[in-house]
Amino acid sequence: MNTIEELKQLIHDKFEIDVATLKADAPLADYGLDSLSLAELLFTVEDHFSIDFPDNRQDVNTLSGLAALVDELRVPSAA
């Protein structure tokens, strides 16, 4: 399972949004996620992937952007 698919499943599990409706380049706000929901999602993603988002990188607005950041942060720990 790739990162985007894992993120889709996390969003589905946390917010009950149908995985089939989640598009990689659509703004997460399009799915009804407000700033509080996005913060909750980021905490969930950090826990799931065992990563920490830098304070200056918490402005990711799309699924593909979030996946790219997760992949970037996972690389150092995998080395």
N, C-alpha and C. Protein backbone atom coordinates (compact mmCIF):
# COMPACT_ATOMS: atom_id res chain seq x y z
N MET A 1 0.85 -1.18 0.00
CA MET A 1 0.00 0.00 0.00
C MET A 1 0.90 1.24 0.00
N ASN A 2 0.65 2.16 -0.92
CA ASN A 2 1.47 3.37 -0.96
C ASN A 2 0.96 4.40 0.05
N THR A 3 1.71 5.48 0.21
CA THR A 3 1.41 6.48 1.22
C THR A 3 0.04 7.12 1.02
N ILE A 4 -0.30 7.44 -0.21
CA ILE A 4 -1.61 8.06 -0.47
C ILE A 4 -2.73 7.10 -0.06
N GLU A 5 -2.59 5.83 -0.38
CA GLU A 5 -3.62 4.86 -0.01
C GLU A 5 -3.73 4.73 1.52
N GLU A 6 -2.59 4.74 2.19
CA GLU A 6 -2.61 4.68 3.66
C GLU A 6 -3.30 5.91 4.23
N LEU A 7 -3.00 7.09 3.66
CA LEU A 7 -3.62 8.32 4.13
C LEU A 7 -5.13 8.31 3.88
N LYS A 8 -5.53 7.81 2.73
CA LYS A 8 -6.97 7.70 2.44
C LYS A 8 -7.66 6.85 3.49
N GLN A 9 -7.03 5.73 3.85
CA GLN A 9 -7.63 4.85 4.84
C GLN A 9 -7.69 5.52 6.21
N LEU A 10 -6.64 6.26 6.57
CA LEU A 10 -6.65 6.99 7.85
C LEU A 10 -7.77 8.01 7.88
N ILE A 11 -7.95 8.74 6.77
CA ILE A 11 -9.02 9.75 6.69
C ILE A 11 -10.38 9.07 6.79
N HIS A 12 -10.52 7.96 6.12
CA HIS A 12 -11.78 7.21 6.20
C HIS A 12 -12.06 6.76 7.64
N ASP A 13 -11.05 6.19 8.29
CA ASP A 13 -11.22 5.68 9.64
C ASP A 13 -11.54 6.79 10.64
N LYS A 14 -10.90 7.94 10.48
CA LYS A 14 -11.05 9.03 11.45
C LYS A 14 -12.30 9.88 11.18
N PHE A 15 -12.60 10.13 9.90
CA PHE A 15 -13.67 11.08 9.58
C PHE A 15 -14.82 10.45 8.79
N GLU A 16 -14.75 9.14 8.55
CA GLU A 16 -15.80 8.41 7.84
C GLU A 16 -16.09 8.99 6.45
N ILE A 17 -15.03 9.40 5.77
CA ILE A 17 -15.13 9.89 4.39
C ILE A 17 -14.85 8.72 3.46
N ASP A 18 -15.70 8.52 2.49
CA ASP A 18 -15.57 7.41 1.55
C ASP A 18 -14.24 7.51 0.81
N VAL A 19 -13.45 6.44 0.89
CA VAL A 19 -12.13 6.40 0.25
C VAL A 19 -12.23 6.69 -1.24
N ALA A 20 -13.28 6.21 -1.89
CA ALA A 20 -13.45 6.38 -3.33
C ALA A 20 -13.61 7.84 -3.73
N THR A 21 -14.04 8.69 -2.80
CA THR A 21 -14.24 10.10 -3.12
C THR A 21 -12.99 10.94 -2.92
N LEU A 22 -11.99 10.40 -2.24
CA LEU A 22 -10.78 11.16 -1.94
C LEU A 22 -9.87 11.23 -3.16
N LYS A 23 -9.63 12.43 -3.62
CA LYS A 23 -8.77 12.68 -4.78
C LYS A 23 -7.45 13.29 -4.31
N ALA A 24 -6.36 12.85 -4.88
CA ALA A 24 -5.02 13.24 -4.43
C ALA A 24 -4.76 14.74 -4.49
N ASP A 25 -5.28 15.41 -5.52
CA ASP A 25 -4.95 16.83 -5.68
C ASP A 25 -6.06 17.78 -5.25
N ALA A 26 -7.13 17.26 -4.69
CA ALA A 26 -8.22 18.12 -4.21
C ALA A 26 -7.85 18.68 -2.83
N PRO A 27 -8.23 19.92 -2.57
CA PRO A 27 -7.98 20.47 -1.23
C PRO A 27 -8.71 19.65 -0.17
N LEU A 28 -8.04 19.38 0.93
CA LEU A 28 -8.66 18.59 2.00
C LEU A 28 -9.90 19.29 2.55
N ALA A 29 -9.94 20.60 2.46
CA ALA A 29 -11.12 21.36 2.90
C ALA A 29 -12.36 20.98 2.09
N ASP A 30 -12.17 20.51 0.87
CA ASP A 30 -13.31 20.10 0.03
C ASP A 30 -14.07 18.93 0.65
N TYR A 31 -13.45 18.24 1.58
CA TYR A 31 -14.09 17.08 2.22
C TYR A 31 -14.67 17.44 3.58
N GLY A 32 -14.76 18.74 3.85
CA GLY A 32 -15.36 19.20 5.10
C GLY A 32 -14.40 19.24 6.27
N LEU A 33 -13.11 19.12 5.99
CA LEU A 33 -12.12 19.17 7.07
C LEU A 33 -11.75 20.61 7.35
N ASP A 34 -12.11 21.10 8.53
CA ASP A 34 -11.75 22.45 8.92
C ASP A 34 -10.37 22.43 9.57
N SER A 35 -9.93 23.57 10.08
CA SER A 35 -8.57 23.65 10.63
C SER A 35 -8.39 22.71 11.82
N LEU A 36 -9.41 22.55 12.65
CA LEU A 36 -9.31 21.64 13.79
C LEU A 36 -9.22 20.19 13.30
N SER A 37 -10.02 19.83 12.31
CA SER A 37 -9.98 18.48 11.74
C SER A 37 -8.63 18.20 11.11
N LEU A 38 -8.08 19.20 10.41
CA LEU A 38 -6.77 19.03 9.79
C LEU A 38 -5.68 18.82 10.85
N ALA A 39 -5.78 19.56 11.95
CA ALA A 39 -4.81 19.37 13.04
C ALA A 39 -4.92 17.95 13.60
N GLU A 40 -6.16 17.47 13.80
CA GLU A 40 -6.37 16.10 14.28
C GLU A 40 -5.78 15.09 13.29
N LEU A 41 -5.99 15.35 11.99
CA LEU A 41 -5.45 14.47 10.97
C LEU A 41 -3.93 14.43 11.03
N LEU A 42 -3.29 15.59 11.18
CA LEU A 42 -1.83 15.62 11.25
C LEU A 42 -1.31 14.83 12.45
N PHE A 43 -1.98 14.94 13.59
CA PHE A 43 -1.56 14.15 14.75
C PHE A 43 -1.71 12.66 14.48
N THR A 44 -2.81 12.29 13.83
CA THR A 44 -3.04 10.88 13.49
C THR A 44 -1.97 10.38 12.54
N VAL A 45 -1.63 11.21 11.54
CA VAL A 45 -0.61 10.83 10.56
C VAL A 45 0.75 10.69 11.25
N GLU A 46 1.07 11.62 12.14
CA GLU A 46 2.35 11.52 12.86
C GLU A 46 2.42 10.21 13.65
N ASP A 47 1.35 9.88 14.33
CA ASP A 47 1.33 8.64 15.12
C ASP A 47 1.43 7.41 14.22
N HIS A 48 0.66 7.39 13.15
CA HIS A 48 0.62 6.23 12.26
C HIS A 48 1.98 5.95 11.61
N PHE A 49 2.63 7.00 11.15
CA PHE A 49 3.90 6.85 10.42
C PHE A 49 5.13 7.03 11.32
N SER A 50 4.92 7.31 12.61
CA SER A 50 6.02 7.54 13.55
C SER A 50 6.96 8.63 13.06
N ILE A 51 6.35 9.77 12.71
CA ILE A 51 7.13 10.93 12.25
C ILE A 51 6.70 12.16 13.05
N ASP A 52 7.46 13.23 12.94
CA ASP A 52 7.11 14.52 13.53
C ASP A 52 7.17 15.57 12.44
N PHE A 53 6.06 16.28 12.26
CA PHE A 53 6.04 17.36 11.28
C PHE A 53 6.77 18.57 11.85
N PRO A 54 7.68 19.17 11.08
CA PRO A 54 8.29 20.42 11.52
C PRO A 54 7.22 21.51 11.57
N ASP A 55 7.36 22.43 12.49
CA ASP A 55 6.36 23.49 12.65
C ASP A 55 6.11 24.27 11.36
N ASN A 56 7.14 24.44 10.55
CA ASN A 56 7.01 25.25 9.34
C ASN A 56 6.44 24.46 8.16
N ARG A 57 6.07 23.21 8.35
CA ARG A 57 5.58 22.38 7.24
C ARG A 57 4.17 21.87 7.47
N GLN A 58 3.39 22.53 8.30
CA GLN A 58 2.05 22.06 8.61
C GLN A 58 0.99 22.72 7.74
N ASP A 59 1.37 23.26 6.59
CA ASP A 59 0.42 23.95 5.72
C ASP A 59 0.05 23.11 4.50
N VAL A 60 0.17 21.81 4.61
CA VAL A 60 -0.15 20.92 3.50
C VAL A 60 -1.66 20.88 3.32
N ASN A 61 -2.13 21.14 2.10
CA ASN A 61 -3.56 21.28 1.87
C ASN A 61 -4.17 20.19 1.00
N THR A 62 -3.36 19.32 0.42
CA THR A 62 -3.89 18.25 -0.44
C THR A 62 -3.33 16.92 0.01
N LEU A 63 -4.00 15.88 -0.38
CA LEU A 63 -3.57 14.53 -0.05
C LEU A 63 -2.20 14.22 -0.66
N SER A 64 -2.00 14.63 -1.90
CA SER A 64 -0.70 14.36 -2.53
C SER A 64 0.41 15.16 -1.86
N GLY A 65 0.12 16.39 -1.44
CA GLY A 65 1.11 17.19 -0.73
C GLY A 65 1.46 16.57 0.62
N LEU A 66 0.44 16.08 1.30
CA LEU A 66 0.66 15.43 2.59
C LEU A 66 1.46 14.14 2.41
N ALA A 67 1.13 13.37 1.39
CA ALA A 67 1.87 12.13 1.11
C ALA A 67 3.33 12.42 0.80
N ALA A 68 3.59 13.46 0.02
CA ALA A 68 4.97 13.81 -0.31
C ALA A 68 5.75 14.20 0.94
N LEU A 69 5.12 14.95 1.83
CA LEU A 69 5.78 15.34 3.07
C LEU A 69 6.04 14.13 3.95
N VAL A 70 5.07 13.24 4.06
CA VAL A 70 5.26 12.01 4.85
C VAL A 70 6.43 11.21 4.28
N ASP A 71 6.44 11.04 2.97
CA ASP A 71 7.54 10.28 2.35
C ASP A 71 8.88 10.94 2.59
N GLU A 72 8.92 12.26 2.53
CA GLU A 72 10.16 13.00 2.78
C GLU A 72 10.64 12.80 4.22
N LEU A 73 9.72 12.82 5.15
CA LEU A 73 10.09 12.68 6.56
C LEU A 73 10.42 11.24 6.93
N ARG A 74 9.90 10.28 6.20
CA ARG A 74 10.17 8.87 6.49
C ARG A 74 11.54 8.44 6.00
N VAL A 75 12.09 9.09 5.00
CA VAL A 75 13.36 8.68 4.40
C VAL A 75 14.50 8.65 5.42
N PRO A 76 14.71 9.71 6.23
CA PRO A 76 15.83 9.66 7.17
C PRO A 76 15.73 8.51 8.16
N SER A 77 14.51 8.19 8.61
CA SER A 77 14.37 7.11 9.59
C SER A 77 14.57 5.74 8.97
N ALA A 78 14.37 5.63 7.66
CA ALA A 78 14.55 4.35 6.99
C ALA A 78 16.01 4.09 6.65
N ALA A 79 16.83 5.12 6.66
CA ALA A 79 18.24 4.97 6.29
C ALA A 79 19.07 4.36 7.40
